[in-house]
Amino acid sequence: MQWSEVREMFPDKFLLLEDLKSHIENGELHIEEVAVIRPLKDGKEAMDELMRAHNKVFVYHTKHEHISMPVRPKPAYRGYMQ
């Protein structure tokens, strides 16, 4: 689903989302298509879900016109890199 459609369906809400299509440009991840897992009732629930999120699942608020996040590389530990 396109982000503009999601914003219309869930105005002013935190959502638990899954990245379906994205690309990296200038050190930022730009997400083009998402799957809505579920709306979240408030900021506390959003923070709880954010702490549990992994892989392509994330929390975002519909007040943002576009979904973009800075990309930070994983640190290497004494010669081991994922």
C-alpha atoms as a PDB file:
ATOM      1  CA  MET A   1       0.000   0.000   0.000  1.00  0.00           C
ATOM      2  CA  GLN A   2       1.278   3.466  -0.798  1.00  0.00           C
ATOM      3  CA  TRP A   3       2.018   5.790   2.144  1.00  0.00           C
ATOM      4  CA  SER A   4      -0.420   8.431   0.853  1.00  0.00           C
ATOM      5  CA  GLU A   5      -3.245   5.858   1.014  1.00  0.00           C
ATOM      6  CA  VAL A   6      -2.250   4.826   4.538  1.00  0.00           C
ATOM      7  CA  ARG A   7      -2.249   8.456   5.683  1.00  0.00           C
ATOM      8  CA  GLU A   8      -5.807   8.913   4.377  1.00  0.00           C
ATOM      9  CA  MET A   9      -7.051   5.752   6.103  1.00  0.00           C
ATOM     10  CA  PHE A  10      -5.336   6.458   9.459  1.00  0.00           C
ATOM     11  CA  PRO A  11      -5.017  10.230  10.001  1.00  0.00           C
ATOM     12  CA  ASP A  12      -2.888  11.356  12.979  1.00  0.00           C
ATOM     13  CA  LYS A  13      -2.050   7.819  14.191  1.00  0.00           C
ATOM     14  CA  PHE A  14       0.991   5.789  15.152  1.00  0.00           C
ATOM     15  CA  LEU A  15       1.079   2.600  13.069  1.00  0.00           C
ATOM     16  CA  LEU A  16       2.966  -0.670  13.216  1.00  0.00           C
ATOM     17  CA  LEU A  17       4.156  -1.208   9.640  1.00  0.00           C
ATOM     18  CA  GLU A  18       6.164  -3.595   7.497  1.00  0.00           C
ATOM     19  CA  ASP A  19       8.458  -2.357   4.721  1.00  0.00           C
ATOM     20  CA  LEU A  20       7.474  -3.990   1.411  1.00  0.00           C
ATOM     21  CA  LYS A  21       9.453  -1.826  -1.023  1.00  0.00           C
ATOM     22  CA  SER A  22      12.243   0.626  -0.249  1.00  0.00           C
ATOM     23  CA  HIS A  23      15.554   2.029  -1.452  1.00  0.00           C
ATOM     24  CA  ILE A  24      18.567   3.777   0.065  1.00  0.00           C
ATOM     25  CA  GLU A  25      19.525   7.197  -1.224  1.00  0.00           C
ATOM     26  CA  ASN A  26      22.052   9.639   0.269  1.00  0.00           C
ATOM     27  CA  GLY A  27      22.328   7.632   3.494  1.00  0.00           C
ATOM     28  CA  GLU A  28      18.581   7.485   4.059  1.00  0.00           C
ATOM     29  CA  LEU A  29      16.122   4.630   3.698  1.00  0.00           C
ATOM     30  CA  HIS A  30      13.111   5.762   1.665  1.00  0.00           C
ATOM     31  CA  ILE A  31      10.103   3.468   1.980  1.00  0.00           C
ATOM     32  CA  GLU A  32       7.704   3.380  -0.955  1.00  0.00           C
ATOM     33  CA  GLU A  33       5.227   0.625  -0.035  1.00  0.00           C
ATOM     34  CA  VAL A  34       4.127  -0.666   3.362  1.00  0.00           C
ATOM     35  CA  ALA A  35       1.788  -3.198   4.897  1.00  0.00           C
ATOM     36  CA  VAL A  36      -0.185  -1.924   7.872  1.00  0.00           C
ATOM     37  CA  ILE A  37       0.044  -4.464  10.675  1.00  0.00           C
ATOM     38  CA  ARG A  38      -2.162  -2.455  13.023  1.00  0.00           C
ATOM     39  CA  PRO A  39      -2.814   1.051  14.355  1.00  0.00           C
ATOM     40  CA  LEU A  40      -1.452   1.864  17.820  1.00  0.00           C
ATOM     41  CA  LYS A  41      -3.557   3.611  20.454  1.00  0.00           C
ATOM     42  CA  ASP A  42      -0.955   6.042  21.862  1.00  0.00           C
ATOM     43  CA  GLY A  43       2.706   7.001  22.163  1.00  0.00           C
ATOM     44  CA  LYS A  44       3.378   4.518  24.982  1.00  0.00           C
ATOM     45  CA  GLU A  45       2.136   1.583  22.916  1.00  0.00           C
ATOM     46  CA  ALA A  46       4.134   2.937  19.947  1.00  0.00           C
ATOM     47  CA  MET A  47       7.323   2.959  22.053  1.00  0.00           C
ATOM     48  CA  ASP A  48       6.661  -0.571  23.342  1.00  0.00           C
ATOM     49  CA  GLU A  49       6.159  -1.861  19.790  1.00  0.00           C
ATOM     50  CA  LEU A  50       9.226   0.016  18.558  1.00  0.00           C
ATOM     51  CA  MET A  51      11.365  -1.755  21.168  1.00  0.00           C
ATOM     52  CA  ARG A  52      10.078  -5.140  19.919  1.00  0.00           C
ATOM     53  CA  ALA A  53      10.296  -4.314  16.203  1.00  0.00           C
ATOM     54  CA  HIS A  54      12.870  -6.137  14.079  1.00  0.00           C
ATOM     55  CA  ASN A  55      13.813  -6.775  10.444  1.00  0.00           C
ATOM     56  CA  LYS A  56      11.435  -4.773   8.248  1.00  0.00           C
ATOM     57  CA  VAL A  57       8.841  -3.996  10.930  1.00  0.00           C
ATOM     58  CA  PHE A  58       8.797  -0.452  12.320  1.00  0.00           C
ATOM     59  CA  VAL A  59       6.590   2.208  13.933  1.00  0.00           C
ATOM     60  CA  TYR A  60       5.790   5.484  12.168  1.00  0.00           C
ATOM     61  CA  HIS A  61       3.311   8.341  12.574  1.00  0.00           C
ATOM     62  CA  THR A  62       1.015   9.444   9.763  1.00  0.00           C
ATOM     63  CA  LYS A  63       1.779  13.138  10.350  1.00  0.00           C
ATOM     64  CA  HIS A  64       4.877  12.622   8.163  1.00  0.00           C
ATOM     65  CA  GLU A  65       4.369  13.174   4.442  1.00  0.00           C
ATOM     66  CA  HIS A  66       7.058  10.645   3.444  1.00  0.00           C
ATOM     67  CA  ILE A  67       8.746   7.731   5.187  1.00  0.00           C
ATOM     68  CA  SER A  68      12.497   8.224   5.387  1.00  0.00           C
ATOM     69  CA  MET A  69      14.977   7.193   8.053  1.00  0.00           C
ATOM     70  CA  PRO A  70      18.753   7.554   8.388  1.00  0.00           C
ATOM     71  CA  VAL A  71      20.717   4.362   7.748  1.00  0.00           C
ATOM     72  CA  ARG A  72      23.310   3.523  10.371  1.00  0.00           C
ATOM     73  CA  PRO A  73      25.758   0.687   9.730  1.00  0.00           C
ATOM     74  CA  LYS A  74      26.002  -2.116  12.279  1.00  0.00           C
ATOM     75  CA  PRO A  75      29.183  -1.910  14.332  1.00  0.00           C
ATOM     76  CA  ALA A  76      31.909  -4.512  13.813  1.00  0.00           C
ATOM     77  CA  TYR A  77      33.203  -6.393  16.869  1.00  0.00           C
ATOM     78  CA  ARG A  78      36.851  -7.453  16.844  1.00  0.00           C
ATOM     79  CA  GLY A  79      36.998  -8.689  13.289  1.00  0.00           C
ATOM     80  CA  TYR A  80      33.412  -9.984  13.112  1.00  0.00           C
ATOM     81  CA  MET A  81      31.010  -8.187  10.818  1.00  0.00           C
ATOM     82  CA  GLN A  82      27.463  -9.180   9.855  1.00  0.00           C
END
